Each structure stands twice: as C-alpha cells, then as structure tokens.
Amino acid sequence: MKFIKQFIALATVALAFNAAHAADEAPDALVKRISSDVLNTAKSDKAIQAGDTKKVIDLVETKILPYVDFQRMTSLASGRFWRDATPEQKTALTEQFRQLLVYTYSGALSQVKDQTVEFKPLRADPTDTDVEVRSQVNQARGEPIPLNYRVAKGPNGWKIYDINVLGAWLVETYKGTFASEISKGGIDGLIKALTEKNKSLAAKPLNTTAPKK
C-alpha cells in the first residue's frame, strides 16, 4: 500500500477538476488549468496544510472525484472477475474503491508543499477520444517525477481512468491486490476487505507534515 499512497500523492499534486468548461476544453488544457487551481489551494489553505480532515475531503470530493471514471477504473482493476460480478457487487465495489481513493487523495493533499507541475505536448489528433496527458512533478529536491494520465471523453466530457507514475499504471498496481483478495473470498471478499480498510482510514487523522506552531 505504501507504493499506492505514493502514486496518489504524486497524482494529487497535478490533478483536480472543475465542472466549468469541462466538456469543451482539450484534455491537456483542462488538466493544466485545474492542476494549478488545486496546487494553489492546497498550498495556501492553512486548514488543509494543518490536516483538517473535513476541509481536505471536501476539496477532494468537489474538485477531483467528479471527473474520475471510477466504474471504468474499478472494472479494469478487477480484470476478468468484473464480468462475473452481479450489478449489486459492481456498485458496492466501485463505491468502496472510490472511498479508498478519497482517503488516499485527502492524505496526499495535506502534504502538498513546494511542488510544481510541467506538462508535455499532447500527442493526439483532435478527433481522438482516448488520450494520454503527460507531465512531470518538479520538487525542490530530487529529480523530476514522470506523471501521466489516461483520459477518455464521454457524454459529460473528459475523465481520468488511469494514472502512471515512474512507468507503472495505477490500475495494474491495484489489479494484483484485487486478484489476491478475490482468490481468497471472491468479489464479496474484496468488497469486505476494502470496506474494512476504509473504516480503518476513517478512524485515523490525516497524515500531515504541517509545521509545528
């Protein structure tokens, strides 16, 4: 789980979305504009820096999650097991996976400090509906970290369905965890494991590195 948390922490630096003009903007323009917004908000909001759980989760819920395709992400992470799940299991699994990422994004947002994001030229045709937006996270110390997104366009505009950090895709990283839980207890076993993980995270304060007063 440590690698997955790093995944989300880096992605949070560069990713947050807003409903305004979402369906009209090019995918890279959308990510550029809103990533600046979330980065500035996380840096300037003292409550977020201090780890105010409600404030951070509200920011995640309003600016990031509405523009992530969780059902597609969950189905890809579930692999071949997804087609065997009932509609009720698919709904429950997607919700628990979404909730897990809420807590992970929130913990990452509370730790945003001096990072900046640099975007690469978009390699896609104007008619493409599934593209990869490439960027890198620059830090005060250390080498830049490659960070790419798979983004697909649907009836409601562009939505993220996968993230790549240092050459590894998030969906593939979760696929192993999901398969392990499913092999032990089926889809219901995976749902139970995610539910228990979410309850544990809900009972803990955010992991913040805010300076002491």
C-alpha atoms as a PDB file:
ATOM      1  CA  MET A   1       0.000   0.000   0.000  1.00  0.00           C
ATOM      2  CA  LYS A   2       2.972   2.363   0.512  1.00  0.00           C
ATOM      3  CA  PHE A   3       3.654   2.472  -3.244  1.00  0.00           C
ATOM      4  CA  ILE A   4      -0.021   3.112  -3.968  1.00  0.00           C
ATOM      5  CA  LYS A   5      -0.061   6.002  -1.486  1.00  0.00           C
ATOM      6  CA  GLN A   6       2.970   7.495  -3.254  1.00  0.00           C
ATOM      7  CA  PHE A   7       1.120   7.038  -6.533  1.00  0.00           C
ATOM      8  CA  ILE A   8      -1.843   9.071  -5.308  1.00  0.00           C
ATOM      9  CA  ALA A   9       0.279  11.660  -3.518  1.00  0.00           C
ATOM     10  CA  LEU A  10       2.086  12.495  -6.735  1.00  0.00           C
ATOM     11  CA  ALA A  11      -1.082  12.426  -8.788  1.00  0.00           C
ATOM     12  CA  THR A  12      -2.816  14.785  -6.377  1.00  0.00           C
ATOM     13  CA  VAL A  13      -0.136  17.390  -6.940  1.00  0.00           C
ATOM     14  CA  ALA A  14      -1.094  17.594 -10.594  1.00  0.00           C
ATOM     15  CA  LEU A  15      -4.772  16.587 -10.672  1.00  0.00           C
ATOM     16  CA  ALA A  16      -8.058  18.233  -9.764  1.00  0.00           C
ATOM     17  CA  PHE A  17     -11.005  19.038 -11.961  1.00  0.00           C
ATOM     18  CA  ASN A  18     -13.788  21.647 -12.167  1.00  0.00           C
ATOM     19  CA  ALA A  19     -17.121  21.351 -13.988  1.00  0.00           C
ATOM     20  CA  ALA A  20     -16.716  24.671 -15.787  1.00  0.00           C
ATOM     21  CA  HIS A  21     -15.962  24.139 -19.486  1.00  0.00           C
ATOM     22  CA  ALA A  22     -15.035  20.501 -18.842  1.00  0.00           C
ATOM     23  CA  ALA A  23     -16.767  19.232 -21.961  1.00  0.00           C
ATOM     24  CA  ASP A  24     -15.266  21.939 -24.210  1.00  0.00           C
ATOM     25  CA  GLU A  25     -11.589  22.042 -23.279  1.00  0.00           C
ATOM     26  CA  ALA A  26      -8.873  19.857 -24.700  1.00  0.00           C
ATOM     27  CA  PRO A  27      -7.797  17.221 -22.146  1.00  0.00           C
ATOM     28  CA  ASP A  28      -4.328  18.664 -21.601  1.00  0.00           C
ATOM     29  CA  ALA A  29      -5.666  22.228 -21.285  1.00  0.00           C
ATOM     30  CA  LEU A  30      -8.186  21.062 -18.698  1.00  0.00           C
ATOM     31  CA  VAL A  31      -5.589  19.277 -16.596  1.00  0.00           C
ATOM     32  CA  LYS A  32      -3.179  22.249 -16.814  1.00  0.00           C
ATOM     33  CA  ARG A  33      -5.769  24.804 -15.738  1.00  0.00           C
ATOM     34  CA  ILE A  34      -7.248  22.892 -12.849  1.00  0.00           C
ATOM     35  CA  SER A  35      -3.998  21.398 -11.580  1.00  0.00           C
ATOM     36  CA  SER A  36      -2.826  24.953 -10.984  1.00  0.00           C
ATOM     37  CA  ASP A  37      -6.005  25.646  -9.033  1.00  0.00           C
ATOM     38  CA  VAL A  38      -5.697  22.632  -6.733  1.00  0.00           C
ATOM     39  CA  LEU A  39      -1.986  23.187  -6.196  1.00  0.00           C
ATOM     40  CA  ASN A  40      -2.502  26.810  -5.186  1.00  0.00           C
ATOM     41  CA  THR A  41      -5.426  25.906  -2.938  1.00  0.00           C
ATOM     42  CA  ALA A  42      -3.528  23.156  -1.148  1.00  0.00           C
ATOM     43  CA  LYS A  43      -0.514  25.425  -0.618  1.00  0.00           C
ATOM     44  CA  SER A  44      -2.417  28.474   0.613  1.00  0.00           C
ATOM     45  CA  ASP A  45      -5.195  26.951   2.726  1.00  0.00           C
ATOM     46  CA  LYS A  46      -3.957  26.738   6.307  1.00  0.00           C
ATOM     47  CA  ALA A  47      -6.683  24.269   7.255  1.00  0.00           C
ATOM     48  CA  ILE A  48      -5.578  21.873   4.525  1.00  0.00           C
ATOM     49  CA  GLN A  49      -1.929  22.259   5.494  1.00  0.00           C
ATOM     50  CA  ALA A  50      -2.864  21.535   9.108  1.00  0.00           C
ATOM     51  CA  GLY A  51      -4.691  18.353   8.097  1.00  0.00           C
ATOM     52  CA  ASP A  52      -8.304  19.481   8.614  1.00  0.00           C
ATOM     53  CA  THR A  53      -9.958  16.240   7.534  1.00  0.00           C
ATOM     54  CA  LYS A  54     -13.335  17.704   6.552  1.00  0.00           C
ATOM     55  CA  LYS A  55     -11.790  20.568   4.592  1.00  0.00           C
ATOM     56  CA  VAL A  56      -9.442  18.295   2.691  1.00  0.00           C
ATOM     57  CA  ILE A  57     -12.102  15.689   1.910  1.00  0.00           C
ATOM     58  CA  ASP A  58     -14.475  18.429   0.716  1.00  0.00           C
ATOM     59  CA  LEU A  59     -11.788  19.647  -1.685  1.00  0.00           C
ATOM     60  CA  VAL A  60     -11.211  16.132  -2.989  1.00  0.00           C
ATOM     61  CA  GLU A  61     -14.938  15.461  -3.386  1.00  0.00           C
ATOM     62  CA  THR A  62     -15.644  18.678  -5.281  1.00  0.00           C
ATOM     63  CA  LYS A  63     -12.572  19.170  -7.441  1.00  0.00           C
ATOM     64  CA  ILE A  64     -11.167  15.727  -8.159  1.00  0.00           C
ATOM     65  CA  LEU A  65     -13.607  12.863  -7.838  1.00  0.00           C
ATOM     66  CA  PRO A  66     -16.426  14.084 -10.113  1.00  0.00           C
ATOM     67  CA  TYR A  67     -14.021  13.840 -13.030  1.00  0.00           C
ATOM     68  CA  VAL A  68     -12.571  10.408 -12.385  1.00  0.00           C
ATOM     69  CA  ASP A  69     -14.301   7.474 -14.102  1.00  0.00           C
ATOM     70  CA  PHE A  70     -14.415   5.173 -11.094  1.00  0.00           C
ATOM     71  CA  GLN A  71     -16.528   2.480 -12.699  1.00  0.00           C
ATOM     72  CA  ARG A  72     -14.096   2.085 -15.580  1.00  0.00           C
ATOM     73  CA  MET A  73     -11.125   2.220 -13.217  1.00  0.00           C
ATOM     74  CA  THR A  74     -12.702  -0.396 -10.938  1.00  0.00           C
ATOM     75  CA  SER A  75     -13.603  -2.698 -13.820  1.00  0.00           C
ATOM     76  CA  LEU A  76     -10.064  -2.535 -15.203  1.00  0.00           C
ATOM     77  CA  ALA A  77      -8.548  -3.195 -11.774  1.00  0.00           C
ATOM     78  CA  SER A  78     -10.900  -6.166 -11.319  1.00  0.00           C
ATOM     79  CA  GLY A  79      -9.901  -7.635 -14.675  1.00  0.00           C
ATOM     80  CA  ARG A  80     -11.733 -10.764 -15.810  1.00  0.00           C
ATOM     81  CA  PHE A  81     -13.551 -11.023 -12.477  1.00  0.00           C
ATOM     82  CA  TRP A  82     -15.618  -7.912 -13.268  1.00  0.00           C
ATOM     83  CA  ARG A  83     -17.811  -9.654 -15.839  1.00  0.00           C
ATOM     84  CA  ASP A  84     -18.797 -12.309 -13.303  1.00  0.00           C
ATOM     85  CA  ALA A  85     -19.873  -9.790 -10.651  1.00  0.00           C
ATOM     86  CA  THR A  86     -23.554  -9.003 -10.144  1.00  0.00           C
ATOM     87  CA  PRO A  87     -24.795  -5.438 -10.677  1.00  0.00           C
ATOM     88  CA  GLU A  88     -25.052  -5.043  -6.909  1.00  0.00           C
ATOM     89  CA  GLN A  89     -21.471  -6.240  -6.417  1.00  0.00           C
ATOM     90  CA  LYS A  90     -20.213  -3.872  -9.121  1.00  0.00           C
ATOM     91  CA  THR A  91     -21.930  -0.940  -7.431  1.00  0.00           C
ATOM     92  CA  ALA A  92     -20.617  -1.842  -3.980  1.00  0.00           C
ATOM     93  CA  LEU A  93     -17.089  -2.490  -5.247  1.00  0.00           C
ATOM     94  CA  THR A  94     -16.952   0.785  -7.171  1.00  0.00           C
ATOM     95  CA  GLU A  95     -18.177   2.726  -4.129  1.00  0.00           C
ATOM     96  CA  GLN A  96     -15.642   1.150  -1.775  1.00  0.00           C
ATOM     97  CA  PHE A  97     -12.798   1.714  -4.245  1.00  0.00           C
ATOM     98  CA  ARG A  98     -13.912   5.312  -4.642  1.00  0.00           C
ATOM     99  CA  GLN A  99     -13.979   5.759  -0.859  1.00  0.00           C
ATOM    100  CA  LEU A 100     -10.490   4.300  -0.555  1.00  0.00           C
ATOM    101  CA  LEU A 101      -9.174   6.854  -3.016  1.00  0.00           C
ATOM    102  CA  VAL A 102     -10.982   9.658  -1.166  1.00  0.00           C
ATOM    103  CA  TYR A 103      -8.944   8.947   1.956  1.00  0.00           C
ATOM    104  CA  THR A 104      -5.730   8.462  -0.008  1.00  0.00           C
ATOM    105  CA  TYR A 105      -6.160  11.669  -2.015  1.00  0.00           C
ATOM    106  CA  SER A 106      -7.014  13.556   1.158  1.00  0.00           C
ATOM    107  CA  GLY A 107      -3.878  12.426   2.944  1.00  0.00           C
ATOM    108  CA  ALA A 108      -1.810  13.430  -0.065  1.00  0.00           C
ATOM    109  CA  LEU A 109      -3.374  16.887  -0.370  1.00  0.00           C
ATOM    110  CA  SER A 110      -2.487  17.737   3.220  1.00  0.00           C
ATOM    111  CA  GLN A 111       1.186  17.174   2.344  1.00  0.00           C
ATOM    112  CA  VAL A 112       1.461  19.371  -0.762  1.00  0.00           C
ATOM    113  CA  LYS A 113       4.239  21.900  -0.171  1.00  0.00           C
ATOM    114  CA  ASP A 114       6.578  23.245  -2.859  1.00  0.00           C
ATOM    115  CA  GLN A 115       5.892  21.020  -5.864  1.00  0.00           C
ATOM    116  CA  THR A 116       5.291  22.376  -9.359  1.00  0.00           C
ATOM    117  CA  VAL A 117       3.989  20.623 -12.480  1.00  0.00           C
ATOM    118  CA  GLU A 118       5.322  20.764 -16.038  1.00  0.00           C
ATOM    119  CA  PHE A 119       3.236  19.411 -18.922  1.00  0.00           C
ATOM    120  CA  LYS A 120       4.475  17.831 -22.136  1.00  0.00           C
ATOM    121  CA  PRO A 121       2.977  18.482 -25.601  1.00  0.00           C
ATOM    122  CA  LEU A 122      -0.120  16.394 -26.238  1.00  0.00           C
ATOM    123  CA  ARG A 123       0.445  13.646 -28.785  1.00  0.00           C
ATOM    124  CA  ALA A 124      -3.060  13.154 -30.149  1.00  0.00           C
ATOM    125  CA  ASP A 125      -5.341  14.032 -33.049  1.00  0.00           C
ATOM    126  CA  PRO A 126      -8.234  16.458 -32.481  1.00  0.00           C
ATOM    127  CA  THR A 127     -10.707  13.638 -33.086  1.00  0.00           C
ATOM    128  CA  ASP A 128      -9.191  11.249 -30.516  1.00  0.00           C
ATOM    129  CA  THR A 129     -11.429  10.359 -27.574  1.00  0.00           C
ATOM    130  CA  ASP A 130      -8.870   8.395 -25.538  1.00  0.00           C
ATOM    131  CA  VAL A 131      -5.524  10.102 -24.940  1.00  0.00           C
ATOM    132  CA  GLU A 132      -2.529  10.191 -22.622  1.00  0.00           C
ATOM    133  CA  VAL A 133      -1.683  13.504 -20.967  1.00  0.00           C
ATOM    134  CA  ARG A 134       1.988  13.575 -19.944  1.00  0.00           C
ATOM    135  CA  SER A 135       3.548  15.690 -17.217  1.00  0.00           C
ATOM    136  CA  GLN A 136       6.249  15.714 -14.583  1.00  0.00           C
ATOM    137  CA  VAL A 137       6.280  16.793 -10.945  1.00  0.00           C
ATOM    138  CA  ASN A 138       9.173  19.075 -10.043  1.00  0.00           C
ATOM    139  CA  GLN A 139      10.342  19.193  -6.439  1.00  0.00           C
ATOM    140  CA  ALA A 140      12.773  21.423  -4.567  1.00  0.00           C
ATOM    141  CA  ARG A 141      14.975  18.375  -4.035  1.00  0.00           C
ATOM    142  CA  GLY A 142      15.397  15.347  -6.219  1.00  0.00           C
ATOM    143  CA  GLU A 143      14.818  14.541  -9.869  1.00  0.00           C
ATOM    144  CA  PRO A 144      11.529  15.354 -11.666  1.00  0.00           C
ATOM    145  CA  ILE A 145       8.976  12.533 -11.420  1.00  0.00           C
ATOM    146  CA  PRO A 146       7.141  11.478 -14.618  1.00  0.00           C
ATOM    147  CA  LEU A 147       3.359  11.512 -14.162  1.00  0.00           C
ATOM    148  CA  ASN A 148       0.930  10.634 -16.963  1.00  0.00           C
ATOM    149  CA  TYR A 149      -2.844  10.247 -17.227  1.00  0.00           C
ATOM    150  CA  ARG A 150      -5.133   8.169 -19.411  1.00  0.00           C
ATOM    151  CA  VAL A 151      -8.151  10.323 -20.195  1.00  0.00           C
ATOM    152  CA  ALA A 152     -11.266   9.344 -22.143  1.00  0.00           C
ATOM    153  CA  LYS A 153     -14.015  11.567 -23.500  1.00  0.00           C
ATOM    154  CA  GLY A 154     -17.625  10.604 -22.860  1.00  0.00           C
ATOM    155  CA  PRO A 155     -21.005  12.352 -22.989  1.00  0.00           C
ATOM    156  CA  ASN A 156     -20.073  14.503 -19.975  1.00  0.00           C
ATOM    157  CA  GLY A 157     -16.574  15.446 -21.075  1.00  0.00           C
ATOM    158  CA  TRP A 158     -13.096  14.142 -20.291  1.00  0.00           C
ATOM    159  CA  LYS A 159     -12.485  11.837 -17.340  1.00  0.00           C
ATOM    160  CA  ILE A 160      -9.383  10.225 -15.880  1.00  0.00           C
ATOM    161  CA  TYR A 161      -9.387   6.424 -15.746  1.00  0.00           C
ATOM    162  CA  ASP A 162      -5.740   5.601 -15.054  1.00  0.00           C
ATOM    163  CA  ILE A 163      -2.560   7.242 -13.760  1.00  0.00           C
ATOM    164  CA  ASN A 164       1.087   6.399 -14.428  1.00  0.00           C
ATOM    165  CA  VAL A 165       3.942   7.246 -12.059  1.00  0.00           C
ATOM    166  CA  LEU A 166       7.521   6.258 -12.891  1.00  0.00           C
ATOM    167  CA  GLY A 167       6.349   3.898 -15.626  1.00  0.00           C
ATOM    168  CA  ALA A 168       3.755   1.971 -13.602  1.00  0.00           C
ATOM    169  CA  TRP A 169      -0.001   2.315 -14.147  1.00  0.00           C
ATOM    170  CA  LEU A 170      -2.223   2.630 -11.076  1.00  0.00           C
ATOM    171  CA  VAL A 171      -4.824   0.170 -12.393  1.00  0.00           C
ATOM    172  CA  GLU A 172      -2.168  -2.511 -12.870  1.00  0.00           C
ATOM    173  CA  THR A 173      -0.895  -1.894  -9.342  1.00  0.00           C
ATOM    174  CA  TYR A 174      -4.358  -2.399  -7.865  1.00  0.00           C
ATOM    175  CA  LYS A 175      -5.083  -5.368 -10.145  1.00  0.00           C
ATOM    176  CA  GLY A 176      -2.701  -7.553  -8.153  1.00  0.00           C
ATOM    177  CA  THR A 177      -4.254  -6.546  -4.821  1.00  0.00           C
ATOM    178  CA  PHE A 178      -7.774  -7.118  -6.138  1.00  0.00           C
ATOM    179  CA  ALA A 179      -6.918 -10.518  -7.610  1.00  0.00           C
ATOM    180  CA  SER A 180      -5.358 -11.645  -4.334  1.00  0.00           C
ATOM    181  CA  GLU A 181      -8.455 -10.749  -2.319  1.00  0.00           C
ATOM    182  CA  ILE A 182     -10.808 -12.258  -4.900  1.00  0.00           C
ATOM    183  CA  SER A 183      -8.857 -15.528  -4.874  1.00  0.00           C
ATOM    184  CA  LYS A 184      -9.409 -15.766  -1.117  1.00  0.00           C
ATOM    185  CA  GLY A 185     -13.042 -14.715  -0.842  1.00  0.00           C
ATOM    186  CA  GLY A 186     -14.482 -13.852  -4.227  1.00  0.00           C
ATOM    187  CA  ILE A 187     -15.881 -10.430  -5.144  1.00  0.00           C
ATOM    188  CA  ASP A 188     -17.643 -10.239  -1.776  1.00  0.00           C
ATOM    189  CA  GLY A 189     -14.316 -10.884  -0.079  1.00  0.00           C
ATOM    190  CA  LEU A 190     -12.737  -7.971  -1.937  1.00  0.00           C
ATOM    191  CA  ILE A 191     -15.650  -5.694  -1.059  1.00  0.00           C
ATOM    192  CA  LYS A 192     -15.315  -6.705   2.599  1.00  0.00           C
ATOM    193  CA  ALA A 193     -11.558  -6.078   2.583  1.00  0.00           C
ATOM    194  CA  LEU A 194     -11.984  -2.606   1.066  1.00  0.00           C
ATOM    195  CA  THR A 195     -14.809  -1.785   3.484  1.00  0.00           C
ATOM    196  CA  GLU A 196     -12.665  -2.734   6.477  1.00  0.00           C
ATOM    197  CA  LYS A 197      -9.743  -0.717   5.098  1.00  0.00           C
ATOM    198  CA  ASN A 198     -11.984   2.321   4.658  1.00  0.00           C
ATOM    199  CA  LYS A 199     -13.308   2.029   8.219  1.00  0.00           C
ATOM    200  CA  SER A 200      -9.742   1.937   9.489  1.00  0.00           C
ATOM    201  CA  LEU A 201      -8.775   5.007   7.467  1.00  0.00           C
ATOM    202  CA  ALA A 202     -11.881   6.895   8.589  1.00  0.00           C
ATOM    203  CA  ALA A 203     -10.865   6.428  12.225  1.00  0.00           C
ATOM    204  CA  LYS A 204      -7.409   7.919  11.689  1.00  0.00           C
ATOM    205  CA  PRO A 205      -6.378  11.572  11.326  1.00  0.00           C
ATOM    206  CA  LEU A 206      -4.802  12.609   8.050  1.00  0.00           C
ATOM    207  CA  ASN A 207      -1.054  12.123   7.820  1.00  0.00           C
ATOM    208  CA  THR A 208       0.098  15.708   7.632  1.00  0.00           C
ATOM    209  CA  THR A 209       3.556  17.212   7.710  1.00  0.00           C
ATOM    210  CA  ALA A 210       2.385  20.654   8.745  1.00  0.00           C
ATOM    211  CA  PRO A 211       4.992  22.601  10.723  1.00  0.00           C
ATOM    212  CA  LYS A 212       4.628  22.788  14.465  1.00  0.00           C
ATOM    213  CA  LYS A 213       3.299  26.010  15.938  1.00  0.00           C
END
